[in-house]
Protein backbone atom coordinates (compact mmCIF):
# COMPACT_ATOMS: atom_id res chain seq x y z
CA MET A 1 35.99 -2.62 28.87
CA ASP A 2 32.87 -0.51 29.47
CA LEU A 3 30.25 -3.19 30.13
CA SER A 4 27.42 -0.65 29.84
CA ILE A 5 27.84 -0.53 26.05
CA VAL A 6 28.18 -4.28 25.50
CA SER A 7 25.14 -6.14 24.19
CA VAL A 8 23.58 -8.83 26.35
CA GLY A 9 24.24 -11.47 23.70
CA HIS A 10 27.94 -10.67 23.42
CA LEU A 11 28.26 -10.44 27.18
CA ALA A 12 26.58 -13.80 27.71
CA ARG A 13 28.82 -15.56 25.19
CA THR A 14 31.97 -14.07 26.71
CA LEU A 15 30.96 -14.97 30.25
CA LEU A 16 30.08 -18.54 29.36
CA GLN A 17 33.43 -18.96 27.67
CA ARG A 18 35.36 -17.53 30.63
CA LEU A 19 33.39 -19.55 33.18
CA ALA A 20 34.03 -22.68 31.14
CA GLU A 21 37.73 -21.88 31.39
CA GLY A 22 37.47 -21.72 35.19
CA ASP A 23 37.30 -17.95 35.75
CA TYR A 24 35.59 -16.63 38.87
CA LEU A 25 33.35 -13.54 38.92
CA ASP A 26 33.90 -11.28 41.90
CA SER A 27 31.17 -9.11 43.42
CA GLU A 28 32.18 -5.96 41.53
CA THR A 29 32.10 -7.74 38.17
CA ARG A 30 28.69 -9.24 38.92
CA HIS A 31 27.30 -5.77 39.67
CA LEU A 32 28.79 -4.36 36.48
CA ILE A 33 27.22 -7.19 34.50
CA GLN A 34 23.85 -6.60 36.13
CA ASP A 35 24.00 -2.85 35.33
CA ALA A 36 24.92 -3.59 31.71
CA MET A 37 22.02 -6.00 31.33
CA VAL A 38 19.53 -3.53 32.83
CA SER A 39 20.81 -0.76 30.55
CA ASP A 40 20.52 -3.00 27.50
CA ILE A 41 16.98 -4.04 28.39
CA GLU A 42 15.98 -0.38 28.86
CA ARG A 43 17.43 0.56 25.46
CA LEU A 44 15.55 -2.29 23.81
CA SER A 45 12.33 -1.22 25.51
CA ILE A 46 12.69 2.40 24.37
CA ARG A 47 13.55 1.31 20.83
CA SER A 48 10.61 -1.06 20.74
CA GLN A 49 8.24 1.68 21.89
CA LEU A 50 9.58 4.12 19.29
CA ASP A 51 9.31 1.52 16.53
CA GLU A 52 5.70 0.81 17.48
CA GLU A 53 4.86 4.53 17.38
CA LEU A 54 6.44 4.85 13.93
CA ALA A 55 4.69 1.69 12.76
CA GLU A 56 1.35 3.12 13.90
CA GLU A 57 2.02 6.38 12.01
CA GLN A 58 2.69 4.37 8.86
CA ARG A 59 -0.42 2.29 9.46
CA CYS A 60 -2.60 5.41 9.74
CA ILE A 61 -1.24 6.88 6.50
CA ALA A 62 -1.83 3.58 4.71
CA MET A 63 -5.41 3.52 5.97
CA ASN A 64 -5.96 7.08 4.73
CA ILE A 65 -4.71 6.14 1.27
CA LEU A 66 -6.72 2.94 1.01
CA THR A 67 -9.97 4.29 2.46
CA ALA A 68 -9.85 7.13 -0.08
CA TYR A 69 -10.69 4.51 -2.72
CA ARG A 70 -13.79 3.53 -0.77
CA CYS A 71 -15.52 6.84 -1.58
CA PHE A 72 -13.88 7.39 -4.95
CA ASN A 73 -16.70 7.92 -7.42
CA VAL A 74 -18.19 10.55 -9.68
CA GLU A 75 -20.25 12.08 -6.87
CA ASP A 76 -17.21 12.55 -4.62
CA ALA A 77 -14.39 13.47 -6.97
CA LEU A 78 -12.50 15.34 -4.24
CA GLN A 79 -11.54 11.98 -2.79
CA MET A 80 -9.00 11.71 -5.59
CA ASN A 81 -6.92 14.31 -3.77
CA LYS A 82 -6.86 12.08 -0.70
CA ILE A 83 -5.52 9.22 -2.82
CA PHE A 84 -2.50 11.37 -3.71
CA GLU A 85 -2.20 13.37 -0.49
CA HIS A 86 0.41 11.13 1.14
CA ARG A 87 2.44 10.31 -1.99
CA THR A 88 5.74 11.94 -2.88
CA SER A 89 5.80 13.99 -6.07
CA ASP A 90 7.76 11.21 -7.79
CA CYS A 91 5.76 8.30 -6.34
CA VAL A 92 5.32 5.32 -8.66
CA GLN A 93 2.48 2.80 -8.58
CA VAL A 94 3.48 -0.67 -9.78
CA THR A 95 1.11 -3.53 -10.54
CA LEU A 96 2.49 -7.05 -10.10
CA PRO A 97 2.97 -9.68 -11.37
CA ARG A 98 4.22 -8.30 -14.66
CA SER A 99 2.07 -10.88 -16.46
CA ALA A 100 -0.92 -8.70 -15.55
CA GLY A 101 0.28 -6.39 -18.32
CA THR A 102 -0.23 -3.17 -16.35
CA PRO A 103 2.39 -0.44 -16.85
CA ASP A 104 4.06 1.44 -14.00
CA ARG A 105 2.46 4.85 -13.49
CA ASN A 106 3.65 8.07 -11.90
CA ASN A 107 1.20 10.37 -10.13
CA LYS A 108 0.11 12.17 -13.28
CA GLN A 109 -0.38 8.95 -15.24
CA TYR A 110 -2.19 7.23 -12.37
CA ARG A 111 -4.50 10.20 -11.84
CA LYS A 112 -5.46 10.16 -15.53
CA TYR A 113 -6.02 6.40 -15.37
CA LEU A 114 -8.41 6.81 -12.44
CA GLN A 115 -10.21 9.71 -14.09
CA ASP A 116 -10.74 7.69 -17.26
CA LEU A 117 -12.09 4.76 -15.24
CA VAL A 118 -14.51 6.83 -13.22
CA LEU A 119 -15.71 9.28 -15.84
CA ASN A 120 -15.70 7.04 -18.91
CA ASP A 121 -15.09 3.31 -18.48
CA LEU A 122 -17.10 2.51 -15.37
CA ALA A 123 -19.63 5.35 -15.12
CA PRO A 124 -22.14 5.04 -13.65
CA PHE A 125 -20.86 2.65 -11.01
CA LYS A 126 -20.62 1.96 -7.31
CA GLY A 127 -17.44 0.66 -5.71
CA GLU A 128 -16.87 -1.04 -2.37
CA ILE A 129 -13.65 -2.07 -0.64
CA ASP A 130 -12.85 -3.96 2.54
CA ILE A 131 -9.44 -3.45 4.13
CA VAL A 132 -8.49 -6.65 5.93
CA GLN A 133 -7.16 -6.23 9.46
CA PRO A 134 -4.58 -6.25 10.80
CA ILE A 135 -2.48 -4.05 8.55
CA ILE A 136 1.17 -5.09 8.88
CA SER A 137 3.53 -2.17 9.50
CA ASP A 138 7.31 -2.61 9.79
CA ALA A 139 8.93 0.58 11.05
CA SER A 140 12.53 -0.54 10.49
CA ALA A 141 11.81 -1.51 6.88
CA ARG A 142 9.55 1.56 6.39
CA THR A 143 6.96 -0.72 4.78
CA VAL A 144 3.25 -1.39 5.19
CA VAL A 145 1.46 -4.46 3.82
CA ALA A 146 -2.33 -4.52 3.49
CA LYS A 147 -4.80 -6.95 1.97
CA VAL A 148 -7.78 -5.38 0.20
CA HIS A 149 -10.98 -6.94 -1.10
CA GLY A 150 -12.95 -4.85 -3.57
CA GLN A 151 -15.85 -5.02 -5.95
CA VAL A 152 -17.30 -2.69 -8.56
CA HIS A 153 -20.93 -2.63 -9.63
CA ALA A 154 -21.11 -1.01 -13.06
CA GLU A 155 -24.46 -0.46 -14.74
CA GLY A 156 -25.33 -3.10 -17.31
CA ARG A 157 -22.35 -5.31 -16.45
CA SER A 158 -21.54 -8.10 -14.05
CA THR A 159 -19.96 -7.24 -10.70
CA ILE A 160 -16.17 -7.11 -10.77
CA HIS A 161 -14.47 -8.70 -7.74
CA ASP A 162 -10.87 -7.89 -6.88
CA HIS A 163 -8.50 -9.24 -4.21
CA THR A 164 -5.18 -7.42 -3.94
CA VAL A 165 -2.18 -7.09 -1.64
CA TRP A 166 -0.64 -3.63 -1.28
CA PHE A 167 2.96 -2.87 -0.35
CA LEU A 168 3.52 0.78 0.58
CA TYR A 169 7.12 2.00 0.90
CA PHE A 170 7.74 5.09 3.03
CA THR A 171 10.36 7.83 2.93
CA GLU A 172 12.95 8.01 5.72
CA ASP A 173 10.84 10.49 7.71
CA ARG A 174 7.80 8.21 7.15
CA ASP A 175 5.72 11.20 6.12
CA LYS A 176 5.12 10.14 2.52
CA VAL A 177 4.91 7.03 0.37
CA TRP A 178 7.44 6.94 -2.47
CA LYS A 179 6.38 3.65 -4.05
CA ILE A 180 3.28 1.45 -4.08
CA GLU A 181 3.22 -2.14 -5.31
CA VAL A 182 -0.15 -3.77 -5.84
CA TRP A 183 -0.18 -7.54 -6.30
CA VAL A 184 -3.21 -8.66 -8.28
CA ASP A 185 -4.70 -11.86 -9.63
CA SER A 186 -3.36 -11.73 -13.20
CA LYS A 187 -6.29 -13.77 -14.51
CA LYS A 188 -8.84 -11.40 -13.00
CA ALA A 189 -6.83 -8.41 -14.22
CA TYR A 190 -6.95 -9.82 -17.75
CA GLU A 191 -10.69 -10.45 -17.49
CA PHE A 192 -11.19 -6.88 -16.28
CA GLN A 193 -9.27 -5.50 -19.26
CA GLN A 194 -11.37 -7.66 -21.58
CA GLN A 195 -14.56 -6.33 -20.03
CA LEU A 196 -13.34 -2.77 -20.50
CA ALA A 197 -12.46 -3.48 -24.13
CA GLU A 198 -15.93 -4.91 -24.77
CA TRP A 199 -17.52 -1.93 -23.08
CA HIS A 200 -15.44 0.48 -25.20
CA LYS A 201 -16.54 -1.32 -28.35
CA LYS A 202 -20.18 -1.34 -27.31
CA ASN A 203 -20.06 2.27 -26.20
CA ALA A 204 -18.37 3.36 -29.43
CA GLY A 205 -21.09 1.64 -31.47
CA SER A 206 -23.79 3.28 -29.38
CA ASN A 207 -22.23 6.72 -29.82
CA SER A 208 -21.93 6.17 -33.58
CA SER A 209 -25.61 5.23 -33.86
CA SER A 210 -26.62 8.26 -31.81
CA ALA A 211 -24.55 10.53 -34.02
CA LYS A 212 -26.13 9.14 -37.19
CA GLN A 213 -29.59 9.57 -35.71
CA THR A 214 -28.82 13.17 -34.77
CA ASP A 215 -27.48 13.90 -38.27
CA ALA A 216 -30.62 12.42 -39.81
CA GLN A 217 -32.83 14.57 -37.62
CA ASN A 218 -30.84 17.65 -38.60
CA GLY A 219 -31.10 16.78 -42.27
CA LYS A 220 -27.39 16.17 -42.74
CA PRO A 221 -26.26 13.68 -45.41
CA LYS A 222 -24.98 10.30 -44.18
């Protein structure tokens, strides 16, 4: 048996069993065992270093995606491109739990959702986010987990607070994110949707009144 390719765990179990049965280890065998253990430790060290490098790469990409939301407003619309920069073309954003009532969205659908929020629903507004450290990055699972605290100050409305947990799933080369799961507080998500609905209703009434006033000024019949 080539001891250099045997794991330390398997080797230890085998040796303990043989020693318990009264076997004796000669000098040559002891040296072979020592070489195998050193080789195994070196492999583990190299693998650990590689995993940490990959984990850090994932962590940096996750930070780039999340910090893009920090500057995402009407005045800096180019930041939207940074939100999608590290996503695959078929990336899906999922909001959980399902009781939050938010549909899954592909890139096109999610981009439109963000545009509607920024240009219509929340404008004018100011958003702030805080990415909680540390960000957990598992290279072997190709997954990053991050906790995000956010709040939105929209004119004429109360401040919206949001606490979410993001799961970002990476492709095999860890260059892109193919799926994002965002866990939200379903109660707060419902309250947010209610606030948007009220704002839509109020805004629609305001637009209708403005249109009637304009028609009256132009002499058009009601």
